[in-house]
Amino acid sequence: MTSLSDPSLPGFPDILAAAARIAPHAHATPVLRSRGLDALAGCELHFKAEHLQRAGAFKFRGACNAVFALDDAQASAGVVTHSSGNHGAALALAAQLRGIACHVVVPEGALRSKLAAIEAYGATLHHCAPTIAAREARCAEMQRDTGATLVHPYTDPRVIAGQGTAALELLNAVPGLDLLVAPVGGGGLSSGTALAAATRAPQCRVIGAEPSGAAETRDSLQRGVRVTEFTPDTICDGLRGTLGEPNFQLLRALAVQVLTVDDRDTRTAMRLIWQRTKQLVEPSSAIALAAVLAHRDVFAGRRVGIILSGGNVDLDALPLFADQRLSTWEQKP
C-alpha cells in the first residue's frame, strides 16, 4: 500500500494552496438539487456543477493552478500538454490569462468542437497519431524545441491539487455527505477528490465512476498493479485515457472504490439531467449519476455528492444541430 507521506504526491495542503491560487480566476460553481432525481435514485443528491466552470469543465482548476504556480522564468517559455479536448482548452485559457504561449498536442479524430475551443483560447495545435505513446513523444519534442513546461493532463501534482478544489468547495458547502462520486479517466479528478475528502470529510467515501468499455482503473485497483494495455470502447471521450501512476497510488492509498457503467446507462443519465435539471452535460460527466442509478443498493438512503465534471457536448452530434452552419459570432467560446 502506498503511503501518503510519499513526497512526490500532492497532499491536502497543496489543495488549500491551489484554492487560494486559482480563486481570482476560477468560478466557485453552484451545487444543484433535484427532488425528482432524488426520488428516482432513492437517495439525496447534491450536484457540483463543474460544467459551469470556465472553459466548460473542472479541468480549468488544475490547469490554472499549474500555470500560475510557475515562476516567471518558467512561464516565459510557455506550457505544453497533450489533450483530446477539455484539458487542452483549460490550459489554453489559463495560459492566455497569464499571457504566455501554449502548445497542445491533439490526437487524430478528436472532436472538432473541442479543438475549435482550444484554438479560440489562443493555443497552437500540434497533431499526432491517436495513441498515448504518440502524444507523449510529440510533447517531448515540443519541450525540446520550445523549452515549454509540460503540464500533464492528470499526473502533474499541481493539476491533481487543483482538481481537488472542486470537492473541497462541495464538502464545505454540503457538510455530512456519506458518499462522493467522481468520473474516472486518467485519475486527476478522482485522486484530487479523494485527497480533499480524506481530510475535510473522512467519513465520506469516494467512489469513481468508470465506463465498462474502459475499466482499467477498476482492474488496476483489483489487481494491485496498474493496467495500461487496453483498447477503450466508450462514448465517454474524456474517460478513455490510461490511469496515471501517481493517481493509481493515491486511489489505492485512499481506498477509492470504482463502479463501472455501461454506455446505455450513461446516455440515460445524460438525458435525465437535461430533463430534470435543464443542464446539458457531456457523457463523461453524466456517468457519475449513471453510477448511482445503476448501483442503487450502494447509495440507498445516503447523502451523495456528484461532481458534474463538464458540459462540452459535441452539438454537431445532436440531431437538432446536425449540419447547421454556425454564424461568425457563434464560433467564439
Protein backbone atom coordinates (compact mmCIF):
# COMPACT_ATOMS: atom_id res chain seq x y z
CA MET A 1 0.00 0.00 0.00
CA THR A 2 1.32 3.40 -0.98
CA SER A 3 1.99 5.87 1.80
CA LEU A 4 0.59 9.38 1.56
CA SER A 5 3.90 10.56 3.01
CA ASP A 6 5.46 9.97 -0.43
CA PRO A 7 6.93 13.42 -1.22
CA SER A 8 6.23 13.04 -4.93
CA LEU A 9 2.46 13.00 -4.29
CA PRO A 10 0.34 16.07 -3.58
CA GLY A 11 -1.35 16.41 -0.20
CA PHE A 12 -4.22 18.33 1.35
CA PRO A 13 -2.07 21.45 1.96
CA ASP A 14 -1.48 21.54 -1.81
CA ILE A 15 -5.24 21.62 -2.38
CA LEU A 16 -5.60 24.53 0.04
CA ALA A 17 -2.77 26.36 -1.74
CA ALA A 18 -4.40 25.66 -5.10
CA ALA A 19 -7.74 27.00 -3.88
CA ALA A 20 -6.09 30.29 -2.91
CA ARG A 21 -4.07 30.48 -6.13
CA ILE A 22 -6.99 29.94 -8.52
CA ALA A 23 -9.55 31.98 -6.56
CA PRO A 24 -9.07 35.16 -8.67
CA HIS A 25 -9.60 33.19 -11.90
CA ALA A 26 -11.88 30.17 -11.41
CA HIS A 27 -15.61 30.08 -10.72
CA ALA A 28 -16.89 28.79 -7.39
CA THR A 29 -19.53 26.67 -9.12
CA PRO A 30 -23.00 26.15 -7.62
CA VAL A 31 -24.42 23.00 -6.04
CA LEU A 32 -27.65 21.89 -7.73
CA ARG A 33 -30.55 19.82 -6.38
CA SER A 34 -33.41 17.88 -7.97
CA ARG A 35 -36.22 16.32 -5.94
CA GLY A 36 -37.19 14.25 -8.97
CA LEU A 37 -33.72 12.73 -9.30
CA ASP A 38 -33.59 12.16 -5.52
CA ALA A 39 -36.79 10.12 -5.75
CA LEU A 40 -35.55 8.20 -8.77
CA ALA A 41 -32.20 7.37 -7.15
CA GLY A 42 -33.55 6.67 -3.67
CA CYS A 43 -31.01 8.98 -2.06
CA GLU A 44 -30.24 12.68 -1.54
CA LEU A 45 -28.17 14.06 -4.43
CA HIS A 46 -26.02 17.19 -4.45
CA PHE A 47 -24.59 18.06 -7.86
CA LYS A 48 -21.38 20.11 -8.04
CA ALA A 49 -21.89 21.97 -11.32
CA GLU A 50 -18.39 21.94 -12.83
CA HIS A 51 -19.90 22.05 -16.30
CA LEU A 52 -20.43 25.73 -15.44
CA GLN A 53 -16.72 26.20 -14.76
CA ARG A 54 -14.62 28.36 -17.09
CA ALA A 55 -13.82 26.51 -20.33
CA GLY A 56 -16.78 24.27 -19.50
CA ALA A 57 -15.13 21.71 -17.23
CA PHE A 58 -13.36 21.08 -13.92
CA LYS A 59 -10.12 20.88 -15.91
CA PHE A 60 -9.67 24.64 -15.64
CA ARG A 61 -8.95 24.27 -11.91
CA GLY A 62 -5.90 22.07 -12.38
CA ALA A 63 -4.64 23.88 -15.45
CA CYS A 64 -4.99 27.27 -13.75
CA ASN A 65 -3.17 26.07 -10.64
CA ALA A 66 -0.31 24.65 -12.72
CA VAL A 67 0.09 27.77 -14.88
CA PHE A 68 0.01 30.27 -12.03
CA ALA A 69 2.35 28.14 -9.89
CA LEU A 70 5.15 28.63 -12.46
CA ASP A 71 7.83 31.16 -11.66
CA ASP A 72 8.41 33.93 -14.18
CA ALA A 73 11.39 32.21 -15.81
CA GLN A 74 9.44 29.00 -16.38
CA ALA A 75 6.36 30.84 -17.58
CA SER A 76 8.29 32.85 -20.16
CA ALA A 77 8.85 29.68 -22.24
CA GLY A 78 5.18 28.74 -22.17
CA VAL A 79 3.45 25.45 -21.47
CA VAL A 80 2.72 22.29 -23.43
CA THR A 81 0.36 19.38 -22.99
CA HIS A 82 -1.48 16.65 -24.84
CA SER A 83 -5.25 16.54 -24.77
CA SER A 84 -8.28 15.39 -26.72
CA GLY A 85 -10.24 18.41 -25.60
CA ASN A 86 -11.12 19.75 -22.15
CA HIS A 87 -7.64 19.91 -20.60
CA GLY A 88 -6.24 21.50 -23.73
CA ALA A 89 -8.89 24.22 -23.69
CA ALA A 90 -8.42 24.75 -19.95
CA LEU A 91 -4.65 25.08 -20.26
CA ALA A 92 -5.00 27.39 -23.25
CA LEU A 93 -7.32 29.68 -21.28
CA ALA A 94 -5.07 29.66 -18.21
CA ALA A 95 -2.04 30.47 -20.39
CA GLN A 96 -3.98 33.26 -22.09
CA LEU A 97 -4.83 34.75 -18.69
CA ARG A 98 -1.14 34.76 -17.75
CA GLY A 99 -0.06 35.99 -21.18
CA ILE A 100 2.16 33.05 -22.10
CA ALA A 101 2.37 30.63 -25.02
CA CYS A 102 0.51 27.33 -25.00
CA HIS A 103 1.10 24.28 -27.22
CA VAL A 104 -1.44 21.45 -27.27
CA VAL A 105 -0.73 18.08 -28.89
CA VAL A 106 -4.03 16.63 -30.14
CA PRO A 107 -4.73 13.10 -31.43
CA GLU A 108 -6.26 12.49 -34.83
CA GLY A 109 -10.02 12.00 -34.50
CA ALA A 110 -10.52 14.44 -31.60
CA LEU A 111 -13.87 16.25 -31.57
CA ARG A 112 -13.85 19.25 -33.89
CA SER A 113 -15.79 21.40 -31.43
CA LYS A 114 -13.21 20.83 -28.68
CA LEU A 115 -10.28 21.58 -30.99
CA ALA A 116 -12.00 24.82 -32.04
CA ALA A 117 -12.25 25.84 -28.39
CA ILE A 118 -8.54 25.19 -27.81
CA GLU A 119 -7.60 27.35 -30.79
CA ALA A 120 -10.05 30.07 -29.80
CA TYR A 121 -8.24 30.45 -26.47
CA GLY A 122 -5.01 31.14 -28.36
CA ALA A 123 -3.14 27.82 -28.21
CA THR A 124 -1.17 26.29 -31.08
CA LEU A 125 -2.34 22.81 -32.09
CA HIS A 126 0.08 20.01 -32.98
CA HIS A 127 -1.49 16.85 -34.43
CA CYS A 128 -0.31 13.30 -33.82
CA ALA A 129 -1.43 9.67 -34.09
CA PRO A 130 -4.25 8.65 -31.70
CA THR A 131 -2.07 6.79 -29.20
CA ILE A 132 -0.73 7.76 -25.78
CA ALA A 133 2.82 6.96 -26.95
CA ALA A 134 2.49 9.32 -29.93
CA ARG A 135 1.05 12.08 -27.78
CA GLU A 136 3.84 11.84 -25.21
CA ALA A 137 6.55 11.67 -27.88
CA ARG A 138 5.21 14.81 -29.58
CA CYS A 139 5.04 16.62 -26.23
CA ALA A 140 8.66 15.73 -25.52
CA GLU A 141 9.62 17.09 -28.94
CA MET A 142 7.80 20.36 -28.24
CA GLN A 143 9.54 20.66 -24.86
CA ARG A 144 12.94 20.27 -26.52
CA ASP A 145 12.10 22.76 -29.28
CA THR A 146 10.47 25.48 -27.16
CA GLY A 147 11.61 24.96 -23.56
CA ALA A 148 7.93 24.92 -22.53
CA THR A 149 6.90 23.34 -19.24
CA LEU A 150 4.87 20.16 -19.54
CA VAL A 151 1.52 20.30 -17.74
CA HIS A 152 0.31 16.71 -17.91
CA PRO A 153 -3.49 16.32 -18.03
CA TYR A 154 -3.71 14.21 -14.87
CA THR A 155 -0.34 13.12 -13.41
CA ASP A 156 1.03 16.60 -12.66
CA PRO A 157 0.80 17.13 -8.86
CA ARG A 158 -0.29 20.75 -9.41
CA VAL A 159 -3.11 19.55 -11.64
CA ILE A 160 -4.26 16.92 -9.12
CA ALA A 161 -4.27 19.51 -6.35
CA GLY A 162 -6.23 21.94 -8.49
CA GLN A 163 -8.85 19.33 -9.36
CA GLY A 164 -9.28 18.60 -5.66
CA THR A 165 -10.59 22.13 -5.09
CA ALA A 166 -13.96 21.17 -6.64
CA ALA A 167 -14.56 18.55 -3.94
CA LEU A 168 -13.26 20.95 -1.29
CA GLU A 169 -15.90 23.50 -2.28
CA LEU A 170 -18.63 20.86 -2.34
CA LEU A 171 -17.71 19.45 1.08
CA ASN A 172 -17.61 22.95 2.57
CA ALA A 173 -21.00 23.78 1.05
CA VAL A 174 -22.70 20.49 1.98
CA PRO A 175 -21.41 19.07 5.28
CA GLY A 176 -22.23 15.49 6.20
CA LEU A 177 -22.05 13.79 2.82
CA ASP A 178 -21.84 10.00 3.05
CA LEU A 179 -20.51 9.36 -0.45
CA LEU A 180 -18.89 11.43 -3.18
CA VAL A 181 -18.92 10.27 -6.81
CA ALA A 182 -16.49 11.48 -9.48
CA PRO A 183 -15.80 10.23 -13.02
CA VAL A 184 -12.54 8.34 -13.57
CA GLY A 185 -10.36 8.65 -16.65
CA GLY A 186 -6.68 9.41 -16.10
CA GLY A 187 -7.45 9.88 -12.41
CA GLY A 188 -6.74 13.57 -11.84
CA LEU A 189 -10.24 14.45 -10.62
CA SER A 190 -10.86 11.24 -8.66
CA SER A 191 -7.50 11.31 -6.85
CA GLY A 192 -7.82 15.03 -6.08
CA THR A 193 -11.35 14.41 -4.82
CA ALA A 194 -10.17 11.58 -2.58
CA LEU A 195 -7.39 13.76 -1.16
CA ALA A 196 -9.84 16.52 -0.30
CA ALA A 197 -12.34 14.15 1.30
CA ALA A 198 -9.73 12.28 3.36
CA THR A 199 -9.01 15.40 5.41
CA ARG A 200 -12.13 17.57 5.08
CA ALA A 201 -14.69 14.74 5.46
CA PRO A 202 -13.03 11.46 6.48
CA GLN A 203 -16.44 9.83 6.98
CA CYS A 204 -17.26 10.41 3.30
CA ARG A 205 -16.41 7.51 0.99
CA VAL A 206 -15.21 8.40 -2.51
CA ILE A 207 -16.42 6.34 -5.46
CA GLY A 208 -15.13 6.55 -9.00
CA ALA A 209 -17.50 6.11 -11.97
CA GLU A 210 -15.86 4.43 -14.95
CA PRO A 211 -17.14 3.20 -18.35
CA SER A 212 -17.41 -0.58 -18.69
CA GLY A 213 -15.63 -0.20 -22.01
CA ALA A 214 -12.59 1.45 -20.39
CA ALA A 215 -12.46 -0.14 -16.94
CA GLU A 216 -8.70 -0.24 -16.41
CA THR A 217 -8.91 1.72 -13.14
CA ARG A 218 -11.23 -0.86 -11.61
CA ASP A 219 -8.98 -3.65 -12.89
CA SER A 220 -5.83 -1.89 -11.66
CA LEU A 221 -7.20 -1.49 -8.14
CA GLN A 222 -8.43 -5.07 -8.04
CA ARG A 223 -5.09 -6.50 -9.24
CA GLY A 224 -2.88 -4.13 -7.28
CA VAL A 225 -0.88 -3.23 -10.40
CA ARG A 226 -1.61 -0.56 -12.97
CA VAL A 227 -3.24 -1.87 -16.16
CA THR A 228 -2.01 0.02 -19.22
CA GLU A 229 -2.77 -2.31 -22.12
CA PHE A 230 -6.42 -1.91 -23.14
CA THR A 231 -8.50 -0.58 -26.01
CA PRO A 232 -11.17 1.87 -24.82
CA ASP A 233 -14.66 1.46 -26.23
CA THR A 234 -16.96 4.12 -24.80
CA ILE A 235 -18.88 7.27 -25.72
CA CYS A 236 -17.16 8.99 -22.77
CA ASP A 237 -14.33 10.54 -24.78
CA GLY A 238 -12.89 12.25 -21.69
CA LEU A 239 -12.52 8.93 -19.85
CA ARG A 240 -10.54 6.95 -22.42
CA GLY A 241 -7.10 7.83 -21.04
CA THR A 242 -4.82 5.49 -19.12
CA LEU A 243 -4.82 5.80 -15.32
CA GLY A 244 -1.69 7.70 -14.26
CA GLU A 245 0.85 6.22 -11.87
CA PRO A 246 0.54 8.87 -9.11
CA ASN A 247 -3.23 8.73 -9.50
CA PHE A 248 -3.17 4.96 -9.06
CA GLN A 249 -1.05 5.34 -5.93
CA LEU A 250 -3.45 7.87 -4.42
CA LEU A 251 -6.59 5.89 -5.26
CA ARG A 252 -5.07 2.78 -3.68
CA ALA A 253 -3.85 4.58 -0.57
CA LEU A 254 -7.20 6.29 -0.06
CA ALA A 255 -9.27 3.12 -0.68
CA VAL A 256 -11.35 4.55 -3.51
CA GLN A 257 -13.93 2.13 -4.93
CA VAL A 258 -14.70 2.13 -8.66
CA LEU A 259 -18.11 1.27 -10.11
CA THR A 260 -18.42 0.58 -13.82
CA VAL A 261 -21.27 1.81 -16.02
CA ASP A 262 -22.50 0.77 -19.45
CA ASP A 263 -22.77 3.47 -22.11
CA ARG A 264 -26.53 2.89 -22.38
CA ASP A 265 -26.93 3.88 -18.71
CA THR A 266 -24.72 6.92 -19.22
CA ARG A 267 -26.91 8.09 -22.12
CA THR A 268 -29.98 7.66 -19.94
CA ALA A 269 -28.40 9.68 -17.12
CA MET A 270 -27.39 12.45 -19.53
CA ARG A 271 -30.98 12.66 -20.75
CA LEU A 272 -32.34 12.67 -17.18
CA ILE A 273 -30.04 15.52 -16.14
CA TRP A 274 -31.22 17.53 -19.12
CA GLN A 275 -34.90 16.76 -18.42
CA ARG A 276 -34.91 17.20 -14.64
CA THR A 277 -32.36 19.99 -14.08
CA LYS A 278 -32.26 21.65 -17.52
CA GLN A 279 -28.47 21.24 -17.53
CA LEU A 280 -26.63 19.85 -20.56
CA VAL A 281 -23.57 17.81 -19.55
CA GLU A 282 -21.28 15.60 -21.58
CA PRO A 283 -21.31 11.77 -21.26
CA SER A 284 -18.04 11.80 -19.28
CA SER A 285 -19.91 13.88 -16.70
CA ALA A 286 -23.30 12.11 -16.75
CA ILE A 287 -21.59 8.83 -15.89
CA ALA A 288 -21.42 9.89 -12.23
CA LEU A 289 -25.23 9.95 -11.95
CA ALA A 290 -25.41 6.78 -14.05
CA ALA A 291 -23.25 5.00 -11.47
CA VAL A 292 -25.70 5.95 -8.72
CA LEU A 293 -28.72 4.78 -10.70
CA ALA A 294 -27.04 1.55 -11.82
CA HIS A 295 -25.87 0.66 -8.28
CA ARG A 296 -28.79 1.85 -6.15
CA ASP A 297 -28.00 -0.54 -3.30
CA VAL A 298 -24.70 1.26 -2.66
CA PHE A 299 -26.34 4.67 -2.34
CA ALA A 300 -29.81 3.95 -0.93
CA GLY A 301 -30.84 6.43 1.76
CA ARG A 302 -27.47 8.22 1.73
CA ARG A 303 -26.44 11.84 1.20
CA VAL A 304 -24.47 11.76 -2.03
CA GLY A 305 -22.27 14.35 -3.73
CA ILE A 306 -21.88 14.10 -7.51
CA ILE A 307 -19.31 16.05 -9.48
CA LEU A 308 -20.73 17.01 -12.86
CA SER A 309 -17.34 17.29 -14.48
CA GLY A 310 -18.03 19.02 -17.79
CA GLY A 311 -20.54 20.36 -20.27
CA ASN A 312 -18.62 20.45 -23.55
CA VAL A 313 -21.10 18.43 -25.57
CA ASP A 314 -20.46 17.96 -29.28
CA LEU A 315 -23.57 19.74 -30.53
CA ASP A 316 -22.91 18.56 -34.08
CA ALA A 317 -23.70 15.05 -32.84
CA LEU A 318 -27.19 16.09 -31.71
CA PRO A 319 -29.96 15.81 -34.35
CA LEU A 320 -31.23 19.29 -33.52
CA PHE A 321 -27.94 20.88 -34.58
CA ALA A 322 -26.64 18.42 -37.17
CA ASP A 323 -25.40 20.01 -40.41
CA GLN A 324 -26.14 23.51 -39.14
CA ARG A 325 -23.51 26.04 -40.14
CA LEU A 326 -22.52 28.42 -37.33
CA SER A 327 -22.70 32.18 -37.65
CA THR A 328 -19.42 34.02 -37.22
CA TRP A 329 -20.33 35.28 -33.72
CA GLU A 330 -21.26 31.72 -32.62
CA GLN A 331 -17.78 30.35 -33.30
CA LYS A 332 -16.22 32.03 -30.27
CA PRO A 333 -16.26 30.10 -26.94
